[in-house]
């Protein structure tokens, strides 16, 4: 396995989603191409509006630069976001600001992903 598919188990572990049977693979939003990433993985749940995208970059600096661009985008929307960089991986988790259940679902994913408890 190459690319982000080879990192899927690690990503789920970092996010604390290894045992969440409801989480499913989906398309990342935005696409890997849109953020300048080499590859991406999308995750969501069938019963809600929370969405997680994890992007694979060539290095930390590229991931951090993309994170700043996405943060700027989030300020122009009605989305709550959680974001973090872990090496060459960038987490981008979003939920509508007025959907308490979706916001609760992504709350804390940034800290978990980056190793903060």
PDB file of N, CA and C in Angstrom:
ATOM      1  N   UNK A   1       0.823  -1.177   0.000  1.00  0.00           N
ATOM      2  CA  UNK A   1       0.000   0.000   0.000  1.00  0.00           C
ATOM      3  C   UNK A   1       0.875   1.252   0.000  1.00  0.00           C
ATOM      4  N   UNK A   2       0.501   2.182  -0.827  1.00  0.00           N
ATOM      5  CA  UNK A   2       1.256   3.433  -0.876  1.00  0.00           C
ATOM      6  C   UNK A   2       0.312   4.601  -0.656  1.00  0.00           C
ATOM      7  N   UNK A   3       0.870   5.767  -0.552  1.00  0.00           N
ATOM      8  CA  UNK A   3       0.060   6.957  -0.369  1.00  0.00           C
ATOM      9  C   UNK A   3      -0.669   6.933   0.955  1.00  0.00           C
ATOM     10  N   UNK A   4      -1.767   7.625   0.995  1.00  0.00           N
ATOM     11  CA  UNK A   4      -2.510   7.758   2.242  1.00  0.00           C
ATOM     12  C   UNK A   4      -3.221   6.469   2.633  1.00  0.00           C
ATOM     13  N   UNK A   5      -3.507   5.601   1.676  1.00  0.00           N
ATOM     14  CA  UNK A   5      -4.148   4.320   2.008  1.00  0.00           C
ATOM     15  C   UNK A   5      -3.285   3.525   2.982  1.00  0.00           C
ATOM     16  N   UNK A   6      -1.969   3.635   2.842  1.00  0.00           N
ATOM     17  CA  UNK A   6      -1.056   2.956   3.744  1.00  0.00           C
ATOM     18  C   UNK A   6      -1.033   3.552   5.141  1.00  0.00           C
ATOM     19  N   UNK A   7      -1.569   4.759   5.294  1.00  0.00           N
ATOM     20  CA  UNK A   7      -1.618   5.460   6.578  1.00  0.00           C
ATOM     21  C   UNK A   7      -2.992   5.372   7.246  1.00  0.00           C
ATOM     22  N   UNK A   8      -3.969   4.734   6.608  1.00  0.00           N
ATOM     23  CA  UNK A   8      -5.351   4.762   7.093  1.00  0.00           C
ATOM     24  C   UNK A   8      -5.474   4.272   8.536  1.00  0.00           C
ATOM     25  N   UNK A   9      -4.889   3.142   8.863  1.00  0.00           N
ATOM     26  CA  UNK A   9      -4.999   2.608  10.226  1.00  0.00           C
ATOM     27  C   UNK A   9      -4.384   3.569  11.241  1.00  0.00           C
ATOM     28  N   UNK A  10      -3.246   4.155  10.904  1.00  0.00           N
ATOM     29  CA  UNK A  10      -2.599   5.120  11.801  1.00  0.00           C
ATOM     30  C   UNK A  10      -3.475   6.359  11.972  1.00  0.00           C
ATOM     31  N   UNK A  11      -4.073   6.833  10.894  1.00  0.00           N
ATOM     32  CA  UNK A  11      -4.942   8.004  10.951  1.00  0.00           C
ATOM     33  C   UNK A  11      -6.134   7.737  11.866  1.00  0.00           C
ATOM     34  N   UNK A  12      -6.769   6.595  11.688  1.00  0.00           N
ATOM     35  CA  UNK A  12      -7.910   6.253  12.545  1.00  0.00           C
ATOM     36  C   UNK A  12      -7.493   6.168  14.013  1.00  0.00           C
ATOM     37  N   UNK A  13      -6.310   5.633  14.269  1.00  0.00           N
ATOM     38  CA  UNK A  13      -5.814   5.546  15.647  1.00  0.00           C
ATOM     39  C   UNK A  13      -5.547   6.939  16.212  1.00  0.00           C
ATOM     40  N   UNK A  14      -4.922   7.808  15.429  1.00  0.00           N
ATOM     41  CA  UNK A  14      -4.659   9.173  15.886  1.00  0.00           C
ATOM     42  C   UNK A  14      -5.952   9.909  16.211  1.00  0.00           C
ATOM     43  N   UNK A  15      -6.986   9.652  15.443  1.00  0.00           N
ATOM     44  CA  UNK A  15      -8.265  10.318  15.636  1.00  0.00           C
ATOM     45  C   UNK A  15      -9.135   9.640  16.694  1.00  0.00           C
ATOM     46  N   UNK A  16      -8.688   8.494  17.169  1.00  0.00           N
ATOM     47  CA  UNK A  16      -9.488   7.757  18.142  1.00  0.00           C
ATOM     48  C   UNK A  16     -10.727   7.129  17.526  1.00  0.00           C
ATOM     49  N   UNK A  17     -10.681   6.824  16.247  1.00  0.00           N
ATOM     50  CA  UNK A  17     -11.833   6.290  15.528  1.00  0.00           C
ATOM     51  C   UNK A  17     -11.685   4.819  15.162  1.00  0.00           C
ATOM     52  N   UNK A  18     -10.669   4.164  15.674  1.00  0.00           N
ATOM     53  CA  UNK A  18     -10.404   2.778  15.310  1.00  0.00           C
ATOM     54  C   UNK A  18     -11.607   1.876  15.571  1.00  0.00           C
ATOM     55  N   UNK A  19     -12.316   2.123  16.640  1.00  0.00           N
ATOM     56  CA  UNK A  19     -13.428   1.244  17.007  1.00  0.00           C
ATOM     57  C   UNK A  19     -14.795   1.863  16.706  1.00  0.00           C
ATOM     58  N   UNK A  20     -14.820   2.944  15.966  1.00  0.00           N
ATOM     59  CA  UNK A  20     -16.084   3.577  15.580  1.00  0.00           C
ATOM     60  C   UNK A  20     -16.595   2.889  14.319  1.00  0.00           C
ATOM     61  N   UNK A  21     -17.523   1.979  14.492  1.00  0.00           N
ATOM     62  CA  UNK A  21     -18.019   1.190  13.360  1.00  0.00           C
ATOM     63  C   UNK A  21     -18.878   1.998  12.394  1.00  0.00           C
ATOM     64  N   UNK A  22     -19.331   3.174  12.817  1.00  0.00           N
ATOM     65  CA  UNK A  22     -20.173   3.995  11.947  1.00  0.00           C
ATOM     66  C   UNK A  22     -19.357   4.833  10.966  1.00  0.00           C
ATOM     67  N   UNK A  23     -18.083   5.078  11.262  1.00  0.00           N
ATOM     68  CA  UNK A  23     -17.274   5.905  10.374  1.00  0.00           C
ATOM     69  C   UNK A  23     -17.080   5.184   9.041  1.00  0.00           C
ATOM     70  N   UNK A  24     -17.151   5.958   7.967  1.00  0.00           N
ATOM     71  CA  UNK A  24     -17.013   5.352   6.632  1.00  0.00           C
ATOM     72  C   UNK A  24     -16.114   6.214   5.761  1.00  0.00           C
ATOM     73  N   UNK A  25     -15.496   5.580   4.790  1.00  0.00           N
ATOM     74  CA  UNK A  25     -14.660   6.291   3.828  1.00  0.00           C
ATOM     75  C   UNK A  25     -15.554   7.046   2.846  1.00  0.00           C
ATOM     76  N   UNK A  26     -15.114   8.228   2.482  1.00  0.00           N
ATOM     77  CA  UNK A  26     -15.825   9.046   1.521  1.00  0.00           C
ATOM     78  C   UNK A  26     -14.814   9.940   0.806  1.00  0.00           C
ATOM     79  N   UNK A  27     -15.262  10.786  -0.055  1.00  0.00           N
ATOM     80  CA  UNK A  27     -14.364  11.705  -0.755  1.00  0.00           C
ATOM     81  C   UNK A  27     -13.912  12.814   0.186  1.00  0.00           C
ATOM     82  N   UNK A  28     -12.647  13.198   0.115  1.00  0.00           N
ATOM     83  CA  UNK A  28     -12.185  14.342   0.908  1.00  0.00           C
ATOM     84  C   UNK A  28     -12.758  15.640   0.333  1.00  0.00           C
ATOM     85  N   UNK A  29     -13.030  16.567   1.221  1.00  0.00           N
ATOM     86  CA  UNK A  29     -13.530  17.878   0.802  1.00  0.00           C
ATOM     87  C   UNK A  29     -12.741  18.936   1.553  1.00  0.00           C
ATOM     88  N   UNK A  30     -12.023  19.786   0.839  1.00  0.00           N
ATOM     89  CA  UNK A  30     -11.810  19.807  -0.605  1.00  0.00           C
ATOM     90  C   UNK A  30     -10.916  18.639  -1.060  1.00  0.00           C
ATOM     91  N   UNK A  31     -10.779  18.501  -2.360  1.00  0.00           N
ATOM     92  CA  UNK A  31      -9.968  17.417  -2.909  1.00  0.00           C
ATOM     93  C   UNK A  31      -8.482  17.636  -2.611  1.00  0.00           C
ATOM     94  N   UNK A  32      -7.714  16.570  -2.729  1.00  0.00           N
ATOM     95  CA  UNK A  32      -6.260  16.674  -2.545  1.00  0.00           C
ATOM     96  C   UNK A  32      -5.675  17.701  -3.511  1.00  0.00           C
ATOM     97  N   UNK A  33      -6.124  17.660  -4.738  1.00  0.00           N
ATOM     98  CA  UNK A  33      -5.633  18.595  -5.751  1.00  0.00           C
ATOM     99  C   UNK A  33      -5.925  20.040  -5.361  1.00  0.00           C
ATOM    100  N   UNK A  34      -7.102  20.288  -4.805  1.00  0.00           N
ATOM    101  CA  UNK A  34      -7.488  21.649  -4.429  1.00  0.00           C
ATOM    102  C   UNK A  34      -6.611  22.245  -3.335  1.00  0.00           C
ATOM    103  N   UNK A  35      -6.046  21.411  -2.473  1.00  0.00           N
ATOM    104  CA  UNK A  35      -5.185  21.929  -1.401  1.00  0.00           C
ATOM    105  C   UNK A  35      -3.703  21.698  -1.671  1.00  0.00           C
ATOM    106  N   UNK A  36      -3.384  21.123  -2.826  1.00  0.00           N
ATOM    107  CA  UNK A  36      -1.987  20.902  -3.188  1.00  0.00           C
ATOM    108  C   UNK A  36      -1.365  19.687  -2.532  1.00  0.00           C
ATOM    109  N   UNK A  37      -2.190  18.736  -2.109  1.00  0.00           N
ATOM    110  CA  UNK A  37      -1.697  17.524  -1.451  1.00  0.00           C
ATOM    111  C   UNK A  37      -1.440  16.418  -2.467  1.00  0.00           C
ATOM    112  N   UNK A  38      -0.602  15.479  -2.080  1.00  0.00           N
ATOM    113  CA  UNK A  38      -0.306  14.329  -2.933  1.00  0.00           C
ATOM    114  C   UNK A  38      -1.445  13.321  -2.930  1.00  0.00           C
ATOM    115  N   UNK A  39      -2.169  13.228  -1.806  1.00  0.00           N
ATOM    116  CA  UNK A  39      -3.233  12.239  -1.656  1.00  0.00           C
ATOM    117  C   UNK A  39      -4.118  12.678  -0.494  1.00  0.00           C
ATOM    118  N   UNK A  40      -5.291  12.081  -0.387  1.00  0.00           N
ATOM    119  CA  UNK A  40      -6.207  12.444   0.697  1.00  0.00           C
ATOM    120  C   UNK A  40      -7.151  11.298   1.011  1.00  0.00           C
ATOM    121  N   UNK A  41      -7.657  11.338   2.226  1.00  0.00           N
ATOM    122  CA  UNK A  41      -8.635  10.369   2.720  1.00  0.00           C
ATOM    123  C   UNK A  41      -9.787  11.152   3.322  1.00  0.00           C
ATOM    124  N   UNK A  42     -11.016  10.785   2.982  1.00  0.00           N
ATOM    125  CA  UNK A  42     -12.188  11.414   3.560  1.00  0.00           C
ATOM    126  C   UNK A  42     -12.922  10.431   4.447  1.00  0.00           C
ATOM    127  N   UNK A  43     -13.474  10.922   5.548  1.00  0.00           N
ATOM    128  CA  UNK A  43     -14.242  10.109   6.487  1.00  0.00           C
ATOM    129  C   UNK A  43     -15.479  10.885   6.898  1.00  0.00           C
ATOM    130  N   UNK A  44     -16.583  10.165   7.073  1.00  0.00           N
ATOM    131  CA  UNK A  44     -17.759  10.780   7.659  1.00  0.00           C
ATOM    132  C   UNK A  44     -18.637   9.708   8.280  1.00  0.00           C
ATOM    133  N   UNK A  45     -19.807  10.113   8.715  1.00  0.00           N
ATOM    134  CA  UNK A  45     -20.745   9.225   9.376  1.00  0.00           C
ATOM    135  C   UNK A  45     -22.081   9.347   8.664  1.00  0.00           C
ATOM    136  N   UNK A  46     -22.790   8.232   8.482  1.00  0.00           N
ATOM    137  CA  UNK A  46     -24.039   8.289   7.725  1.00  0.00           C
ATOM    138  C   UNK A  46     -25.154   9.069   8.424  1.00  0.00           C
ATOM    139  N   UNK A  47     -25.034   9.283   9.714  1.00  0.00           N
ATOM    140  CA  UNK A  47     -26.108   9.924  10.474  1.00  0.00           C
ATOM    141  C   UNK A  47     -25.841  11.397  10.801  1.00  0.00           C
ATOM    142  N   UNK A  48     -24.915  12.032  10.104  1.00  0.00           N
ATOM    143  CA  UNK A  48     -24.623  13.415  10.475  1.00  0.00           C
ATOM    144  C   UNK A  48     -23.908  14.186   9.398  1.00  0.00           C
ATOM    145  N   UNK A  49     -23.581  15.433   9.741  1.00  0.00           N
ATOM    146  CA  UNK A  49     -22.953  16.332   8.787  1.00  0.00           C
ATOM    147  C   UNK A  49     -21.478  16.593   9.066  1.00  0.00           C
ATOM    148  N   UNK A  50     -20.907  15.932  10.050  1.00  0.00           N
ATOM    149  CA  UNK A  50     -19.479  16.090  10.319  1.00  0.00           C
ATOM    150  C   UNK A  50     -18.691  15.415   9.200  1.00  0.00           C
ATOM    151  N   UNK A  51     -17.591  16.034   8.817  1.00  0.00           N
ATOM    152  CA  UNK A  51     -16.756  15.479   7.746  1.00  0.00           C
ATOM    153  C   UNK A  51     -15.288  15.667   8.115  1.00  0.00           C
ATOM    154  N   UNK A  52     -14.503  14.628   7.871  1.00  0.00           N
ATOM    155  CA  UNK A  52     -13.069  14.654   8.151  1.00  0.00           C
ATOM    156  C   UNK A  52     -12.321  14.387   6.851  1.00  0.00           C
ATOM    157  N   UNK A  53     -11.319  15.205   6.592  1.00  0.00           N
ATOM    158  CA  UNK A  53     -10.406  14.962   5.480  1.00  0.00           C
ATOM    159  C   UNK A  53      -8.996  14.987   6.041  1.00  0.00           C
ATOM    160  N   UNK A  54      -8.177  14.047   5.596  1.00  0.00           N
ATOM    161  CA  UNK A  54      -6.770  14.014   5.983  1.00  0.00           C
ATOM    162  C   UNK A  54      -5.960  14.006   4.698  1.00  0.00           C
ATOM    163  N   UNK A  55      -4.998  14.920   4.631  1.00  0.00           N
ATOM    164  CA  UNK A  55      -4.202  15.122   3.420  1.00  0.00           C
ATOM    165  C   UNK A  55      -2.760  14.714   3.650  1.00  0.00           C
ATOM    166  N   UNK A  56      -2.150  14.155   2.624  1.00  0.00           N
ATOM    167  CA  UNK A  56      -0.748  13.751   2.647  1.00  0.00           C
ATOM    168  C   UNK A  56       0.056  14.731   1.798  1.00  0.00           C
ATOM    169  N   UNK A  57       1.065  15.330   2.425  1.00  0.00           N
ATOM    170  CA  UNK A  57       1.945  16.281   1.748  1.00  0.00           C
ATOM    171  C   UNK A  57       3.366  15.733   1.693  1.00  0.00           C
ATOM    172  N   UNK A  58       4.221  16.427   0.999  1.00  0.00           N
ATOM    173  CA  UNK A  58       5.610  15.988   0.895  1.00  0.00           C
ATOM    174  C   UNK A  58       6.371  16.236   2.194  1.00  0.00           C
ATOM    175  N   UNK A  59       5.937  17.241   2.969  1.00  0.00           N
ATOM    176  CA  UNK A  59       6.622  17.515   4.237  1.00  0.00           C
ATOM    177  C   UNK A  59       5.741  18.382   5.134  1.00  0.00           C
ATOM    178  N   UNK A  60       6.212  18.614   6.335  1.00  0.00           N
ATOM    179  CA  UNK A  60       5.482  19.399   7.329  1.00  0.00           C
ATOM    180  C   UNK A  60       5.205  20.818   6.844  1.00  0.00           C
ATOM    181  N   UNK A  61       6.181  21.453   6.238  1.00  0.00           N
ATOM    182  CA  UNK A  61       6.016  22.849   5.806  1.00  0.00           C
ATOM    183  C   UNK A  61       4.869  22.996   4.812  1.00  0.00           C
ATOM    184  N   UNK A  62       4.758  22.077   3.864  1.00  0.00           N
ATOM    185  CA  UNK A  62       3.665  22.140   2.895  1.00  0.00           C
ATOM    186  C   UNK A  62       2.317  21.906   3.574  1.00  0.00           C
ATOM    187  N   UNK A  63       2.279  20.972   4.528  1.00  0.00           N
ATOM    188  CA  UNK A  63       1.046  20.697   5.268  1.00  0.00           C
ATOM    189  C   UNK A  63       0.631  21.916   6.091  1.00  0.00           C
ATOM    190  N   UNK A  64       1.574  22.551   6.749  1.00  0.00           N
ATOM    191  CA  UNK A  64       1.282  23.724   7.576  1.00  0.00           C
ATOM    192  C   UNK A  64       0.793  24.893   6.720  1.00  0.00           C
ATOM    193  N   UNK A  65       1.366  25.068   5.544  1.00  0.00           N
ATOM    194  CA  UNK A  65       0.927  26.145   4.649  1.00  0.00           C
ATOM    195  C   UNK A  65      -0.509  25.907   4.189  1.00  0.00           C
ATOM    196  N   UNK A  66      -0.835  24.677   3.854  1.00  0.00           N
ATOM    197  CA  UNK A  66      -2.205  24.344   3.449  1.00  0.00           C
ATOM    198  C   UNK A  66      -3.175  24.534   4.615  1.00  0.00           C
ATOM    199  N   UNK A  67      -2.725  24.223   5.825  1.00  0.00           N
ATOM    200  CA  UNK A  67      -3.565  24.416   7.004  1.00  0.00           C
ATOM    201  C   UNK A  67      -3.958  25.884   7.149  1.00  0.00           C
ATOM    202  N   UNK A  68      -3.026  26.779   6.958  1.00  0.00           N
ATOM    203  CA  UNK A  68      -3.321  28.206   7.072  1.00  0.00           C
ATOM    204  C   UNK A  68      -4.323  28.656   6.006  1.00  0.00           C
ATOM    205  N   UNK A  69      -4.194  28.128   4.798  1.00  0.00           N
ATOM    206  CA  UNK A  69      -5.149  28.476   3.739  1.00  0.00           C
ATOM    207  C   UNK A  69      -6.551  27.987   4.104  1.00  0.00           C
ATOM    208  N   UNK A  70      -6.643  26.766   4.626  1.00  0.00           N
ATOM    209  CA  UNK A  70      -7.945  26.223   5.011  1.00  0.00           C
ATOM    210  C   UNK A  70      -8.546  26.989   6.181  1.00  0.00           C
ATOM    211  N   UNK A  71      -7.735  27.397   7.126  1.00  0.00           N
ATOM    212  CA  UNK A  71      -8.238  28.212   8.246  1.00  0.00           C
ATOM    213  C   UNK A  71      -8.848  29.510   7.733  1.00  0.00           C
ATOM    214  N   UNK A  72      -8.204  30.116   6.767  1.00  0.00           N
ATOM    215  CA  UNK A  72      -8.733  31.336   6.179  1.00  0.00           C
ATOM    216  C   UNK A  72     -10.071  31.099   5.500  1.00  0.00           C
ATOM    217  N   UNK A  73     -10.186  29.979   4.824  1.00  0.00           N
ATOM    218  CA  UNK A  73     -11.447  29.614   4.181  1.00  0.00           C
ATOM    219  C   UNK A  73     -12.547  29.433   5.223  1.00  0.00           C
ATOM    220  N   UNK A  74     -12.243  28.776   6.316  1.00  0.00           N
ATOM    221  CA  UNK A  74     -13.244  28.484   7.343  1.00  0.00           C
ATOM    222  C   UNK A  74     -13.834  29.754   7.933  1.00  0.00           C
ATOM    223  N   UNK A  75     -13.044  30.806   8.027  1.00  0.00           N
ATOM    224  CA  UNK A  75     -13.551  32.050   8.598  1.00  0.00           C
ATOM    225  C   UNK A  75     -14.610  32.704   7.714  1.00  0.00           C
ATOM    226  N   UNK A  76     -14.695  32.269   6.462  1.00  0.00           N
ATOM    227  CA  UNK A  76     -15.663  32.830   5.517  1.00  0.00           C
ATOM    228  C   UNK A  76     -16.910  31.975   5.377  1.00  0.00           C
ATOM    229  N   UNK A  77     -17.041  30.938   6.204  1.00  0.00           N
ATOM    230  CA  UNK A  77     -18.154  29.996   6.079  1.00  0.00           C
ATOM    231  C   UNK A  77     -18.904  29.892   7.402  1.00  0.00           C
ATOM    232  N   UNK A  78     -19.914  29.046   7.401  1.00  0.00           N
ATOM    233  CA  UNK A  78     -20.653  28.748   8.622  1.00  0.00           C
ATOM    234  C   UNK A  78     -20.213  27.402   9.187  1.00  0.00           C
ATOM    235  N   UNK A  79     -18.922  27.098   9.033  1.00  0.00           N
ATOM    236  CA  UNK A  79     -18.376  25.831   9.496  1.00  0.00           C
ATOM    237  C   UNK A  79     -17.515  26.015  10.735  1.00  0.00           C
ATOM    238  N   UNK A  80     -17.626  25.058  11.642  1.00  0.00           N
ATOM    239  CA  UNK A  80     -16.687  24.919  12.740  1.00  0.00           C
ATOM    240  C   UNK A  80     -15.618  23.969  12.243  1.00  0.00           C
ATOM    241  N   UNK A  81     -14.362  24.258  12.531  1.00  0.00           N
ATOM    242  CA  UNK A  81     -13.304  23.372  12.034  1.00  0.00           C
ATOM    243  C   UNK A  81     -12.352  22.965  13.145  1.00  0.00           C
ATOM    244  N   UNK A  82     -11.788  21.801  12.971  1.00  0.00           N
ATOM    245  CA  UNK A  82     -10.689  21.286  13.794  1.00  0.00           C
ATOM    246  C   UNK A  82      -9.584  20.965  12.806  1.00  0.00           C
ATOM    247  N   UNK A  83      -8.387  21.407  13.084  1.00  0.00           N
ATOM    248  CA  UNK A  83      -7.289  21.157  12.166  1.00  0.00           C
ATOM    249  C   UNK A  83      -6.001  20.959  12.943  1.00  0.00           C
ATOM    250  N   UNK A  84      -5.126  20.158  12.380  1.00  0.00           N
ATOM    251  CA  UNK A  84      -3.822  19.905  12.992  1.00  0.00           C
ATOM    252  C   UNK A  84      -2.906  19.307  11.938  1.00  0.00           C
ATOM    253  N   UNK A  85      -1.618  19.497  12.171  1.00  0.00           N
ATOM    254  CA  UNK A  85      -0.602  18.893  11.313  1.00  0.00           C
ATOM    255  C   UNK A  85       0.183  17.892  12.149  1.00  0.00           C
ATOM    256  N   UNK A  86       0.409  16.731  11.582  1.00  0.00           N
ATOM    257  CA  UNK A  86       1.222  15.699  12.216  1.00  0.00           C
ATOM    258  C   UNK A  86       2.201  15.210  11.152  1.00  0.00           C
ATOM    259  N   UNK A  87       3.407  15.729  11.196  1.00  0.00           N
ATOM    260  CA  UNK A  87       4.395  15.376  10.168  1.00  0.00           C
ATOM    261  C   UNK A  87       3.932  15.871   8.812  1.00  0.00           C
ATOM    262  N   UNK A  88       3.772  14.953   7.871  1.00  0.00           N
ATOM    263  CA  UNK A  88       3.342  15.316   6.522  1.00  0.00           C
ATOM    264  C   UNK A  88       1.837  15.158   6.320  1.00  0.00           C
ATOM    265  N   UNK A  89       1.091  14.929   7.409  1.00  0.00           N
ATOM    266  CA  UNK A  89      -0.355  14.766   7.342  1.00  0.00           C
ATOM    267  C   UNK A  89      -1.065  15.996   7.901  1.00  0.00           C
ATOM    268  N   UNK A  90      -2.135  16.397   7.234  1.00  0.00           N
ATOM    269  CA  UNK A  90      -2.957  17.524   7.667  1.00  0.00           C
ATOM    270  C   UNK A  90      -4.378  17.038   7.897  1.00  0.00           C
ATOM    271  N   UNK A  91      -4.900  17.296   9.086  1.00  0.00           N
ATOM    272  CA  UNK A  91      -6.289  17.012   9.419  1.00  0.00           C
ATOM    273  C   UNK A  91      -7.134  18.238   9.138  1.00  0.00           C
ATOM    274  N   UNK A  92      -8.267  18.034   8.504  1.00  0.00           N
ATOM    275  CA  UNK A  92      -9.256  19.086   8.290  1.00  0.00           C
ATOM    276  C   UNK A  92     -10.625  18.475   8.593  1.00  0.00           C
ATOM    277  N   UNK A  93     -11.189  18.795   9.734  1.00  0.00           N
ATOM    278  CA  UNK A  93     -12.497  18.277  10.142  1.00  0.00           C
ATOM    279  C   UNK A  93     -13.447  19.456  10.257  1.00  0.00           C
ATOM    280  N   UNK A  94     -14.639  19.316   9.679  1.00  0.00           N
ATOM    281  CA  UNK A  94     -15.595  20.425   9.687  1.00  0.00           C
ATOM    282  C   UNK A  94     -16.994  19.932  10.038  1.00  0.00           C
ATOM    283  N   UNK A  95     -17.771  20.859  10.566  1.00  0.00           N
ATOM    284  CA  UNK A  95     -19.168  20.611  10.879  1.00  0.00           C
ATOM    285  C   UNK A  95     -19.900  21.945  10.826  1.00  0.00           C
ATOM    286  N   UNK A  96     -21.181  21.937  10.442  1.00  0.00           N
ATOM    287  CA  UNK A  96     -21.945  23.187  10.474  1.00  0.00           C
ATOM    288  C   UNK A  96     -22.012  23.735  11.895  1.00  0.00           C
ATOM    289  N   UNK A  97     -21.787  25.019  12.027  1.00  0.00           N
ATOM    290  CA  UNK A  97     -21.721  25.649  13.341  1.00  0.00           C
ATOM    291  C   UNK A  97     -23.019  25.469  14.135  1.00  0.00           C
ATOM    292  N   UNK A  98     -24.146  25.320  13.450  1.00  0.00           N
ATOM    293  CA  UNK A  98     -25.430  25.192  14.133  1.00  0.00           C
ATOM    294  C   UNK A  98     -25.876  23.746  14.356  1.00  0.00           C
ATOM    295  N   UNK A  99     -25.007  22.784  14.075  1.00  0.00           N
ATOM    296  CA  UNK A  99     -25.317  21.361  14.276  1.00  0.00           C
ATOM    297  C   UNK A  99     -24.515  20.863  15.483  1.00  0.00           C
ATOM    298  N   UNK A 100     -25.120  20.907  16.653  1.00  0.00           N
ATOM    299  CA  UNK A 100     -24.419  20.564  17.891  1.00  0.00           C
ATOM    300  C   UNK A 100     -23.843  19.156  17.872  1.00  0.00           C
ATOM    301  N   UNK A 101     -24.580  18.196  17.327  1.00  0.00           N
ATOM    302  CA  UNK A 101     -24.098  16.810  17.295  1.00  0.00           C
ATOM    303  C   UNK A 101     -22.873  16.671  16.393  1.00  0.00           C
ATOM    304  N   UNK A 102     -22.900  17.337  15.247  1.00  0.00           N
ATOM    305  CA  UNK A 102     -21.763  17.273  14.328  1.00  0.00           C
ATOM    306  C   UNK A 102     -20.551  17.982  14.920  1.00  0.00           C
ATOM    307  N   UNK A 103     -20.772  19.131  15.557  1.00  0.00           N
ATOM    308  CA  UNK A 103     -19.667  19.849  16.196  1.00  0.00           C
ATOM    309  C   UNK A 103     -19.064  18.994  17.307  1.00  0.00           C
ATOM    310  N   UNK A 104     -19.904  18.343  18.087  1.00  0.00           N
ATOM    311  CA  UNK A 104     -19.409  17.470  19.160  1.00  0.00           C
ATOM    312  C   UNK A 104     -18.598  16.310  18.597  1.00  0.00           C
ATOM    313  N   UNK A 105     -18.982  15.818  17.426  1.00  0.00           N
ATOM    314  CA  UNK A 105     -18.284  14.682  16.821  1.00  0.00           C
ATOM    315  C   UNK A 105     -16.855  15.039  16.429  1.00  0.00           C
ATOM    316  N   UNK A 106     -16.620  16.277  15.994  1.00  0.00           N
ATOM    317  CA  UNK A 106     -15.256  16.648  15.587  1.00  0.00           C
ATOM    318  C   UNK A 106     -14.473  17.319  16.702  1.00  0.00           C
ATOM    319  N   UNK A 107     -15.163  17.706  17.775  1.00  0.00           N
ATOM    320  CA  UNK A 107     -14.504  18.405  18.874  1.00  0.00           C
ATOM    321  C   UNK A 107     -13.357  17.576  19.445  1.00  0.00           C
ATOM    322  N   UNK A 108     -12.181  18.155  19.495  1.00  0.00           N
ATOM    323  CA  UNK A 108     -11.021  17.484  20.057  1.00  0.00           C
ATOM    324  C   UNK A 108     -10.211  16.652  19.078  1.00  0.00           C
ATOM    325  N   UNK A 109     -10.695  16.498  17.837  1.00  0.00           N
ATOM    326  CA  UNK A 109      -9.941  15.686  16.877  1.00  0.00           C
ATOM    327  C   UNK A 109      -8.583  16.295  16.557  1.00  0.00           C
ATOM    328  N   UNK A 110      -8.501  17.615  16.536  1.00  0.00           N
ATOM    329  CA  UNK A 110      -7.219  18.270  16.250  1.00  0.00           C
ATOM    330  C   UNK A 110      -6.163  17.929  17.291  1.00  0.00           C
ATOM    331  N   UNK A 111      -6.532  17.988  18.555  1.00  0.00           N
ATOM    332  CA  UNK A 111      -5.594  17.649  19.633  1.00  0.00           C
ATOM    333  C   UNK A 111      -5.204  16.190  19.608  1.00  0.00           C
ATOM    334  N   UNK A 112      -6.179  15.342  19.362  1.00  0.00           N
ATOM    335  CA  UNK A 112      -5.903  13.914  19.279  1.00  0.00           C
ATOM    336  C   UNK A 112      -4.960  13.599  18.125  1.00  0.00           C
ATOM    337  N   UNK A 113      -5.223  14.214  16.975  1.00  0.00           N
ATOM    338  CA  UNK A 113      -4.439  13.961  15.777  1.00  0.00           C
ATOM    339  C   UNK A 113      -2.985  14.387  15.932  1.00  0.00           C
ATOM    340  N   UNK A 114      -2.778  15.489  16.636  1.00  0.00           N
ATOM    341  CA  UNK A 114      -1.416  15.989  16.796  1.00  0.00           C
ATOM    342  C   UNK A 114      -0.714  15.415  18.029  1.00  0.00           C
ATOM    343  N   UNK A 115      -1.439  14.593  18.799  1.00  0.00           N
ATOM    344  CA  UNK A 115      -0.820  13.940  19.948  1.00  0.00           C
ATOM    345  C   UNK A 115      -1.031  14.654  21.260  1.00  0.00           C
ATOM    346  N   UNK A 116      -1.786  15.783  21.234  1.00  0.00           N
ATOM    347  CA  UNK A 116      -2.103  16.480  22.489  1.00  0.00           C
ATOM    348  C   UNK A 116      -3.278  15.785  23.132  1.00  0.00           C
ATOM    349  N   UNK A 117      -3.254  15.681  24.443  1.00  0.00           N
ATOM    350  CA  UNK A 117      -4.358  15.018  25.150  1.00  0.00           C
ATOM    351  C   UNK A 117      -5.143  16.023  25.934  1.00  0.00           C
TER     352      UNK A 117
END
